[in-house]
C-alpha atoms as a PDB file:
ATOM      1  CA  MET A   1      23.691 -28.753  -2.672  1.00  0.00           C
ATOM      2  CA  LEU A   2      23.117 -25.022  -3.100  1.00  0.00           C
ATOM      3  CA  ILE A   3      20.524 -23.560  -0.733  1.00  0.00           C
ATOM      4  CA  VAL A   4      19.187 -20.125  -1.630  1.00  0.00           C
ATOM      5  CA  THR A   5      16.826 -18.012   0.470  1.00  0.00           C
ATOM      6  CA  SER A   6      15.013 -14.828  -0.491  1.00  0.00           C
ATOM      7  CA  VAL A   7      13.156 -12.502   1.863  1.00  0.00           C
ATOM      8  CA  ASN A   8      11.766  -8.974   1.900  1.00  0.00           C
ATOM      9  CA  VAL A   9      12.854  -7.808   5.364  1.00  0.00           C
ATOM     10  CA  ASN A  10      10.546  -4.749   5.474  1.00  0.00           C
ATOM     11  CA  GLY A  11      13.344  -2.614   6.899  1.00  0.00           C
ATOM     12  CA  LEU A  12      16.500  -4.461   7.926  1.00  0.00           C
ATOM     13  CA  ARG A  13      17.166  -2.383  11.053  1.00  0.00           C
ATOM     14  CA  ALA A  14      13.704  -3.193  12.394  1.00  0.00           C
ATOM     15  CA  ALA A  15      13.959  -6.862  11.352  1.00  0.00           C
ATOM     16  CA  ALA A  16      17.313  -7.163  13.131  1.00  0.00           C
ATOM     17  CA  LYS A  17      15.635  -6.203  16.408  1.00  0.00           C
ATOM     18  CA  LYS A  18      12.801  -8.707  15.917  1.00  0.00           C
ATOM     19  CA  GLY A  19      14.700 -11.883  15.055  1.00  0.00           C
ATOM     20  CA  PHE A  20      16.514 -11.572  11.715  1.00  0.00           C
ATOM     21  CA  VAL A  21      19.967 -11.833  13.330  1.00  0.00           C
ATOM     22  CA  GLU A  22      18.998 -15.066  15.089  1.00  0.00           C
ATOM     23  CA  TRP A  23      17.423 -16.418  11.902  1.00  0.00           C
ATOM     24  CA  LEU A  24      20.582 -15.648   9.897  1.00  0.00           C
ATOM     25  CA  ALA A  25      22.762 -17.381  12.488  1.00  0.00           C
ATOM     26  CA  ALA A  26      20.619 -20.515  12.242  1.00  0.00           C
ATOM     27  CA  THR A  27      20.006 -20.719   8.503  1.00  0.00           C
ATOM     28  CA  GLU A  28      21.664 -23.383   6.385  1.00  0.00           C
ATOM     29  CA  ALA A  29      21.407 -21.198   3.271  1.00  0.00           C
ATOM     30  CA  ASP A  30      24.480 -20.649   1.133  1.00  0.00           C
ATOM     31  CA  VAL A  31      23.008 -17.445  -0.326  1.00  0.00           C
ATOM     32  CA  VAL A  32      20.515 -15.026   1.217  1.00  0.00           C
ATOM     33  CA  CYS A  33      18.845 -12.407  -0.983  1.00  0.00           C
ATOM     34  CA  LEU A  34      17.289  -9.435   0.830  1.00  0.00           C
ATOM     35  CA  GLN A  35      14.840  -6.807  -0.381  1.00  0.00           C
ATOM     36  CA  GLU A  36      13.458  -3.581   1.093  1.00  0.00           C
ATOM     37  CA  VAL A  37      16.521  -3.118   3.292  1.00  0.00           C
ATOM     38  CA  ARG A  38      15.776   0.630   3.610  1.00  0.00           C
ATOM     39  CA  ALA A  39      19.171   1.563   5.061  1.00  0.00           C
ATOM     40  CA  GLU A  40      22.678   2.618   4.121  1.00  0.00           C
ATOM     41  CA  GLU A  41      25.456   0.244   5.170  1.00  0.00           C
ATOM     42  CA  SER A  42      26.677   2.767   7.752  1.00  0.00           C
ATOM     43  CA  GLN A  43      23.249   2.685   9.425  1.00  0.00           C
ATOM     44  CA  LEU A  44      23.299  -1.078   9.992  1.00  0.00           C
ATOM     45  CA  PRO A  45      24.694  -2.755  13.114  1.00  0.00           C
ATOM     46  CA  GLU A  46      27.844  -4.775  12.438  1.00  0.00           C
ATOM     47  CA  ALA A  47      26.039  -8.067  13.082  1.00  0.00           C
ATOM     48  CA  VAL A  48      23.854  -7.245  10.085  1.00  0.00           C
ATOM     49  CA  ARG A  49      26.203  -5.211   7.914  1.00  0.00           C
ATOM     50  CA  ALA A  50      29.032  -7.780   7.931  1.00  0.00           C
ATOM     51  CA  PRO A  51      28.017 -10.909   9.866  1.00  0.00           C
ATOM     52  CA  GLU A  52      30.727 -13.459  10.548  1.00  0.00           C
ATOM     53  CA  GLY A  53      30.955 -16.136   7.887  1.00  0.00           C
ATOM     54  CA  TRP A  54      29.234 -14.087   5.171  1.00  0.00           C
ATOM     55  CA  HIS A  55      30.305 -11.904   2.274  1.00  0.00           C
ATOM     56  CA  THR A  56      27.803  -9.087   1.852  1.00  0.00           C
ATOM     57  CA  VAL A  57      26.873  -6.758  -0.995  1.00  0.00           C
ATOM     58  CA  HIS A  58      24.517  -3.877  -0.237  1.00  0.00           C
ATOM     59  CA  ALA A  59      22.791  -1.821  -2.919  1.00  0.00           C
ATOM     60  CA  PRO A  60      20.874   0.961  -1.152  1.00  0.00           C
ATOM     61  CA  ALA A  61      18.525   3.334  -2.927  1.00  0.00           C
ATOM     62  CA  ALA A  62      19.612   6.885  -3.685  1.00  0.00           C
ATOM     63  CA  ALA A  63      16.342   7.954  -2.048  1.00  0.00           C
ATOM     64  CA  LYS A  64      17.096   7.388   1.629  1.00  0.00           C
ATOM     65  CA  GLY A  65      14.817   5.060   3.547  1.00  0.00           C
ATOM     66  CA  ARG A  66      13.396   3.413   0.447  1.00  0.00           C
ATOM     67  CA  ALA A  67      13.874   0.067  -1.299  1.00  0.00           C
ATOM     68  CA  GLY A  68      17.408  -1.334  -1.075  1.00  0.00           C
ATOM     69  CA  VAL A  69      18.583  -4.868  -1.878  1.00  0.00           C
ATOM     70  CA  ALA A  70      21.442  -7.015  -0.606  1.00  0.00           C
ATOM     71  CA  LEU A  71      23.155 -10.354  -1.120  1.00  0.00           C
ATOM     72  CA  TYR A  72      24.777 -12.457   1.597  1.00  0.00           C
ATOM     73  CA  THR A  73      26.950 -15.306   0.319  1.00  0.00           C
ATOM     74  CA  ARG A  74      29.028 -17.875   2.200  1.00  0.00           C
ATOM     75  CA  ARG A  75      31.572 -17.837  -0.610  1.00  0.00           C
ATOM     76  CA  GLU A  76      33.105 -14.651  -1.940  1.00  0.00           C
ATOM     77  CA  PRO A  77      31.510 -13.850  -5.320  1.00  0.00           C
ATOM     78  CA  ASP A  78      33.642 -13.911  -8.445  1.00  0.00           C
ATOM     79  CA  ALA A  79      31.914 -10.724  -9.611  1.00  0.00           C
ATOM     80  CA  VAL A  80      29.141  -8.385  -8.457  1.00  0.00           C
ATOM     81  CA  ARG A  81      26.916  -6.050 -10.480  1.00  0.00           C
ATOM     82  CA  ILE A  82      24.484  -3.460  -9.149  1.00  0.00           C
ATOM     83  CA  GLY A  83      21.601  -2.519 -11.433  1.00  0.00           C
ATOM     84  CA  PHE A  84      20.858  -3.776 -14.926  1.00  0.00           C
ATOM     85  CA  GLY A  85      21.964  -0.923 -17.153  1.00  0.00           C
ATOM     86  CA  SER A  86      18.960   1.357 -16.551  1.00  0.00           C
ATOM     87  CA  SER A  87      19.505   5.087 -16.286  1.00  0.00           C
ATOM     88  CA  GLU A  88      16.306   5.399 -14.245  1.00  0.00           C
ATOM     89  CA  PHE A  89      16.531   2.395 -11.936  1.00  0.00           C
ATOM     90  CA  ASP A  90      20.186   1.504 -11.344  1.00  0.00           C
ATOM     91  CA  GLY A  91      20.369   3.861  -8.365  1.00  0.00           C
ATOM     92  CA  SER A  92      17.016   2.854  -6.932  1.00  0.00           C
ATOM     93  CA  GLY A  93      18.166  -0.088  -4.813  1.00  0.00           C
ATOM     94  CA  ARG A  94      16.131  -2.654  -6.743  1.00  0.00           C
ATOM     95  CA  TYR A  95      18.602  -5.092  -8.294  1.00  0.00           C
ATOM     96  CA  VAL A  96      21.967  -6.680  -7.497  1.00  0.00           C
ATOM     97  CA  GLU A  97      23.552  -9.864  -8.831  1.00  0.00           C
ATOM     98  CA  ALA A  98      26.611 -11.916  -8.021  1.00  0.00           C
ATOM     99  CA  ASP A  99      28.508 -14.611  -9.887  1.00  0.00           C
ATOM    100  CA  LEU A 100      29.225 -17.774  -7.928  1.00  0.00           C
ATOM    101  CA  PRO A 101      30.741 -20.943  -9.427  1.00  0.00           C
ATOM    102  CA  GLY A 102      28.402 -21.998 -12.237  1.00  0.00           C
ATOM    103  CA  VAL A 103      25.487 -19.782 -11.201  1.00  0.00           C
ATOM    104  CA  THR A 104      24.511 -16.113 -11.078  1.00  0.00           C
ATOM    105  CA  VAL A 105      22.247 -15.216  -8.139  1.00  0.00           C
ATOM    106  CA  ALA A 106      20.291 -11.965  -8.102  1.00  0.00           C
ATOM    107  CA  SER A 107      18.164 -10.091  -5.577  1.00  0.00           C
ATOM    108  CA  LEU A 108      15.227  -8.166  -7.077  1.00  0.00           C
ATOM    109  CA  TYR A 109      12.758  -5.725  -5.538  1.00  0.00           C
ATOM    110  CA  LEU A 110      10.257  -4.918  -8.267  1.00  0.00           C
ATOM    111  CA  PRO A 111       8.197  -1.745  -7.611  1.00  0.00           C
ATOM    112  CA  SER A 112       4.924  -2.443  -5.814  1.00  0.00           C
ATOM    113  CA  GLY A 113       2.750   0.009  -7.730  1.00  0.00           C
ATOM    114  CA  GLU A 114      -0.654   1.502  -6.981  1.00  0.00           C
ATOM    115  CA  VAL A 115      -3.362   1.792  -9.606  1.00  0.00           C
ATOM    116  CA  GLY A 116      -3.934   5.305 -10.886  1.00  0.00           C
ATOM    117  CA  THR A 117      -0.717   6.743  -9.459  1.00  0.00           C
ATOM    118  CA  GLU A 118       2.845   7.467 -10.566  1.00  0.00           C
ATOM    119  CA  ARG A 119       3.927   4.408  -8.586  1.00  0.00           C
ATOM    120  CA  GLN A 120       2.088   2.186 -11.067  1.00  0.00           C
ATOM    121  CA  ASP A 121       3.635   4.060 -13.994  1.00  0.00           C
ATOM    122  CA  GLU A 122       7.049   3.474 -12.405  1.00  0.00           C
ATOM    123  CA  LYS A 123       6.285  -0.230 -12.061  1.00  0.00           C
ATOM    124  CA  ILE A 124       5.294  -0.502 -15.720  1.00  0.00           C
ATOM    125  CA  ARG A 125       8.462   1.295 -16.813  1.00  0.00           C
ATOM    126  CA  PHE A 126      10.587  -1.024 -14.676  1.00  0.00           C
ATOM    127  CA  MET A 127       8.898  -4.106 -16.120  1.00  0.00           C
ATOM    128  CA  GLY A 128       9.416  -2.772 -19.632  1.00  0.00           C
ATOM    129  CA  GLU A 129      13.162  -2.417 -19.099  1.00  0.00           C
ATOM    130  CA  PHE A 130      13.688  -5.517 -16.981  1.00  0.00           C
ATOM    131  CA  LEU A 131      12.235  -8.169 -19.307  1.00  0.00           C
ATOM    132  CA  PRO A 132      14.785  -7.532 -22.095  1.00  0.00           C
ATOM    133  CA  TYR A 133      17.517  -7.630 -19.486  1.00  0.00           C
ATOM    134  CA  LEU A 134      16.328 -11.018 -18.222  1.00  0.00           C
ATOM    135  CA  LYS A 135      16.591 -12.376 -21.746  1.00  0.00           C
ATOM    136  CA  GLU A 136      20.065 -10.893 -22.153  1.00  0.00           C
ATOM    137  CA  LEU A 137      21.147 -12.295 -18.781  1.00  0.00           C
ATOM    138  CA  ARG A 138      19.980 -15.803 -19.690  1.00  0.00           C
ATOM    139  CA  GLU A 139      21.719 -15.677 -23.067  1.00  0.00           C
ATOM    140  CA  ARG A 140      24.948 -14.337 -21.589  1.00  0.00           C
ATOM    141  CA  ALA A 141      24.936 -16.966 -18.850  1.00  0.00           C
ATOM    142  CA  ALA A 142      24.256 -19.761 -21.350  1.00  0.00           C
ATOM    143  CA  ALA A 143      27.193 -18.632 -23.451  1.00  0.00           C
ATOM    144  CA  ASP A 144      29.391 -18.898 -20.348  1.00  0.00           C
ATOM    145  CA  GLY A 145      27.947 -22.268 -19.305  1.00  0.00           C
ATOM    146  CA  ARG A 146      26.217 -20.702 -16.295  1.00  0.00           C
ATOM    147  CA  GLU A 147      22.743 -20.877 -14.762  1.00  0.00           C
ATOM    148  CA  VAL A 148      20.745 -17.972 -13.259  1.00  0.00           C
ATOM    149  CA  VAL A 149      18.295 -17.531 -10.398  1.00  0.00           C
ATOM    150  CA  VAL A 150      16.587 -14.184  -9.815  1.00  0.00           C
ATOM    151  CA  CYS A 151      15.174 -14.145  -6.300  1.00  0.00           C
ATOM    152  CA  GLY A 152      13.046 -11.503  -4.737  1.00  0.00           C
ATOM    153  CA  ASP A 153       9.834  -9.643  -4.197  1.00  0.00           C
ATOM    154  CA  TRP A 154       8.361  -9.601  -7.697  1.00  0.00           C
ATOM    155  CA  ASN A 155       5.201  -7.880  -6.412  1.00  0.00           C
ATOM    156  CA  ILE A 156       2.981  -9.810  -8.843  1.00  0.00           C
ATOM    157  CA  ALA A 157       0.787 -12.814  -8.105  1.00  0.00           C
ATOM    158  CA  HIS A 158       0.782 -14.793 -11.326  1.00  0.00           C
ATOM    159  CA  ARG A 159      -2.207 -17.110 -10.905  1.00  0.00           C
ATOM    160  CA  GLU A 160      -5.407 -17.277  -8.892  1.00  0.00           C
ATOM    161  CA  ALA A 161      -3.676 -19.908  -6.746  1.00  0.00           C
ATOM    162  CA  ASP A 162      -1.089 -17.300  -5.780  1.00  0.00           C
ATOM    163  CA  LEU A 163      -3.346 -15.167  -3.562  1.00  0.00           C
ATOM    164  CA  LYS A 164      -6.182 -16.020  -1.236  1.00  0.00           C
ATOM    165  CA  ASN A 165      -8.667 -13.294  -2.191  1.00  0.00           C
ATOM    166  CA  TRP A 166      -8.039 -13.132  -5.925  1.00  0.00           C
ATOM    167  CA  LYS A 167     -11.587 -12.126  -6.879  1.00  0.00           C
ATOM    168  CA  ALA A 168     -11.402  -8.970  -4.765  1.00  0.00           C
ATOM    169  CA  ASN A 169      -7.980  -8.024  -6.153  1.00  0.00           C
ATOM    170  CA  ARG A 170      -8.552  -8.207  -9.904  1.00  0.00           C
ATOM    171  CA  LYS A 171      -8.321  -4.408 -10.238  1.00  0.00           C
ATOM    172  CA  ASN A 172      -5.491  -3.941  -7.739  1.00  0.00           C
ATOM    173  CA  SER A 173      -1.787  -3.628  -8.427  1.00  0.00           C
ATOM    174  CA  GLY A 174      -0.100  -6.979  -8.045  1.00  0.00           C
ATOM    175  CA  PHE A 175      -2.869  -8.914  -9.780  1.00  0.00           C
ATOM    176  CA  LEU A 176      -3.680  -6.774 -12.805  1.00  0.00           C
ATOM    177  CA  PRO A 177      -4.082  -8.623 -16.120  1.00  0.00           C
ATOM    178  CA  GLU A 178      -1.203  -6.720 -17.711  1.00  0.00           C
ATOM    179  CA  GLU A 179       1.106  -7.536 -14.783  1.00  0.00           C
ATOM    180  CA  ARG A 180       0.218 -11.216 -14.863  1.00  0.00           C
ATOM    181  CA  GLU A 181       0.726 -11.278 -18.633  1.00  0.00           C
ATOM    182  CA  TRP A 182       4.156  -9.723 -18.180  1.00  0.00           C
ATOM    183  CA  LEU A 183       5.101 -12.480 -15.740  1.00  0.00           C
ATOM    184  CA  THR A 184       3.861 -15.037 -18.275  1.00  0.00           C
ATOM    185  CA  ARG A 185       6.300 -13.476 -20.744  1.00  0.00           C
ATOM    186  CA  VAL A 186       9.107 -13.928 -18.203  1.00  0.00           C
ATOM    187  CA  PHE A 187       8.306 -17.635 -18.109  1.00  0.00           C
ATOM    188  CA  GLU A 188       7.543 -18.136 -21.798  1.00  0.00           C
ATOM    189  CA  ASP A 189       9.393 -15.514 -23.871  1.00  0.00           C
ATOM    190  CA  ALA A 190      12.422 -15.232 -21.588  1.00  0.00           C
ATOM    191  CA  ALA A 191      12.247 -18.974 -20.751  1.00  0.00           C
ATOM    192  CA  TYR A 192      12.618 -18.825 -16.969  1.00  0.00           C
ATOM    193  CA  VAL A 193      10.937 -21.172 -14.466  1.00  0.00           C
ATOM    194  CA  ASP A 194       9.024 -20.331 -11.279  1.00  0.00           C
ATOM    195  CA  VAL A 195      10.840 -22.807  -9.033  1.00  0.00           C
ATOM    196  CA  VAL A 196       8.327 -22.976  -6.176  1.00  0.00           C
ATOM    197  CA  ARG A 197       5.357 -23.389  -8.518  1.00  0.00           C
ATOM    198  CA  ALA A 198       7.198 -26.049 -10.532  1.00  0.00           C
ATOM    199  CA  LEU A 199       7.665 -28.081  -7.351  1.00  0.00           C
ATOM    200  CA  HIS A 200       4.154 -27.362  -6.009  1.00  0.00           C
ATOM    201  CA  PRO A 201       2.025 -27.230  -9.191  1.00  0.00           C
ATOM    202  CA  ASP A 202      -1.384 -27.886  -7.640  1.00  0.00           C
ATOM    203  CA  GLN A 203      -1.077 -26.088  -4.317  1.00  0.00           C
ATOM    204  CA  GLU A 204      -2.836 -22.915  -3.181  1.00  0.00           C
ATOM    205  CA  GLY A 205       0.121 -20.696  -2.355  1.00  0.00           C
ATOM    206  CA  PRO A 206       2.367 -21.339  -0.545  1.00  0.00           C
ATOM    207  CA  TYR A 207       1.937 -17.681   0.393  1.00  0.00           C
ATOM    208  CA  SER A 208       4.927 -15.551   1.363  1.00  0.00           C
ATOM    209  CA  TRP A 209       3.351 -12.184   2.294  1.00  0.00           C
ATOM    210  CA  TRP A 210       0.483 -11.361   4.635  1.00  0.00           C
ATOM    211  CA  SER A 211      -0.817  -7.909   5.479  1.00  0.00           C
ATOM    212  CA  TYR A 212      -0.301  -6.725   9.046  1.00  0.00           C
ATOM    213  CA  ARG A 213      -3.915  -5.577   8.980  1.00  0.00           C
ATOM    214  CA  GLY A 214      -6.623  -7.734  10.514  1.00  0.00           C
ATOM    215  CA  ARG A 215      -5.927 -11.438  10.938  1.00  0.00           C
ATOM    216  CA  ALA A 216      -4.456 -12.076   7.493  1.00  0.00           C
ATOM    217  CA  PHE A 217      -1.543 -14.138   8.822  1.00  0.00           C
ATOM    218  CA  ASP A 218      -3.647 -16.184  11.242  1.00  0.00           C
ATOM    219  CA  ASN A 219      -6.146 -16.907   8.463  1.00  0.00           C
ATOM    220  CA  ASP A 220      -3.371 -17.546   5.923  1.00  0.00           C
ATOM    221  CA  SER A 221      -4.945 -14.895   3.699  1.00  0.00           C
ATOM    222  CA  GLY A 222      -1.760 -14.128   1.826  1.00  0.00           C
ATOM    223  CA  TRP A 223      -0.046 -13.574  -1.508  1.00  0.00           C
ATOM    224  CA  ARG A 224       2.720 -15.558  -3.218  1.00  0.00           C
ATOM    225  CA  ILE A 225       4.791 -12.707  -4.625  1.00  0.00           C
ATOM    226  CA  ASP A 226       8.279 -13.683  -3.425  1.00  0.00           C
ATOM    227  CA  LEU A 227       9.726 -15.887  -6.138  1.00  0.00           C
ATOM    228  CA  GLN A 228      12.842 -17.746  -7.181  1.00  0.00           C
ATOM    229  CA  VAL A 229      12.877 -17.536 -10.972  1.00  0.00           C
ATOM    230  CA  ALA A 230      15.561 -19.712 -12.542  1.00  0.00           C
ATOM    231  CA  THR A 231      16.891 -20.804 -15.903  1.00  0.00           C
ATOM    232  CA  PRO A 232      15.545 -24.249 -16.876  1.00  0.00           C
ATOM    233  CA  GLY A 233      18.771 -26.105 -16.199  1.00  0.00           C
ATOM    234  CA  LEU A 234      18.960 -24.875 -12.626  1.00  0.00           C
ATOM    235  CA  ALA A 235      15.210 -25.210 -12.034  1.00  0.00           C
ATOM    236  CA  ALA A 236      15.454 -28.868 -13.044  1.00  0.00           C
ATOM    237  CA  ARG A 237      17.951 -29.371 -10.223  1.00  0.00           C
ATOM    238  CA  ALA A 238      15.653 -27.904  -7.559  1.00  0.00           C
ATOM    239  CA  VAL A 239      14.818 -30.742  -5.200  1.00  0.00           C
ATOM    240  CA  LYS A 240      12.886 -28.830  -2.545  1.00  0.00           C
ATOM    241  CA  ALA A 241      11.350 -25.391  -2.075  1.00  0.00           C
ATOM    242  CA  TRP A 242       9.436 -24.058   0.887  1.00  0.00           C
ATOM    243  CA  VAL A 243       8.253 -20.941   2.714  1.00  0.00           C
ATOM    244  CA  GLU A 244       9.705 -20.452   6.193  1.00  0.00           C
ATOM    245  CA  ARG A 245       6.419 -19.345   7.732  1.00  0.00           C
ATOM    246  CA  ALA A 246       6.641 -18.228  11.352  1.00  0.00           C
ATOM    247  CA  ALA A 247       4.812 -20.390  13.872  1.00  0.00           C
ATOM    248  CA  THR A 248       2.835 -17.424  15.214  1.00  0.00           C
ATOM    249  CA  HIS A 249       2.057 -13.835  14.271  1.00  0.00           C
ATOM    250  CA  GLY A 250       4.187 -12.586  17.149  1.00  0.00           C
ATOM    251  CA  GLU A 251       7.302 -14.424  15.946  1.00  0.00           C
ATOM    252  CA  ARG A 252       7.388 -12.674  12.579  1.00  0.00           C
ATOM    253  CA  TRP A 253      10.221 -10.247  11.897  1.00  0.00           C
ATOM    254  CA  SER A 254       8.766  -9.096   8.566  1.00  0.00           C
ATOM    255  CA  ASP A 255       5.404  -9.105   6.825  1.00  0.00           C
ATOM    256  CA  HIS A 256       7.092 -11.454   4.321  1.00  0.00           C
ATOM    257  CA  ALA A 257       8.471 -14.925   5.060  1.00  0.00           C
ATOM    258  CA  PRO A 258      11.727 -16.337   3.678  1.00  0.00           C
ATOM    259  CA  VAL A 259      11.341 -18.427   0.514  1.00  0.00           C
ATOM    260  CA  THR A 260      14.005 -21.131   0.312  1.00  0.00           C
ATOM    261  CA  ALA A 261      15.007 -23.594  -2.399  1.00  0.00           C
ATOM    262  CA  ALA A 262      17.600 -26.343  -2.461  1.00  0.00           C
ATOM    263  CA  TYR A 263      19.371 -27.113  -5.748  1.00  0.00           C
ATOM    264  CA  ASP A 264      21.303 -30.349  -6.283  1.00  0.00           C
ATOM    265  CA  LEU A 265      24.366 -29.170  -8.170  1.00  0.00           C
END
């Protein structure tokens, strides 16, 4: 069994003080994919930078205090790659992948965007470059007899069932028609599978992000934007997928919750 967890930590130094270290010590995951680390390795406490029993790969952003992704693996990876061949984005702390036996696991932090701003333009540019790479990655893995899972904060809710207040968000970044269509292309043109949705086809959510504003968490008024997107062969081996939602608002160590899937290899 391969257990993979993905979580946007909303600043790893802050999360470490609120419960991430204890969560990591207790998890049964074989791979943990982190997003929005927002720190250089040298800024992280040792218990987070190089925890016992884990091999870690950190890909911070060139712009300090922004973005940043990481991979924690129980087994030492056979190979690691930071970025996806983009002159604009490879130094932005948004993508890292590692080869493990039979499977490539990646951590992705897709730009969040904001309508009418440069941030949305950046998001569109990233999407434009990343889709061809996903196709190339799948083809390269297939040629090597490997599967792929790209975990992370995709910052797009694909369907109405993926966010509580979808009617009010139709003109907001994260639920724009062109963003949702792009994600459809990931699933159809690039032939990947949304693992959680495949296992929970008729469910509202399960949500993985809730705003800190108001009572969004208590009311479960969230978004399902943290995804595990896998090649069909691996997705078919997913036997369980769930969101590790905190019991109470006060026990959260991020505004996102870990999304975990178990694959029967």
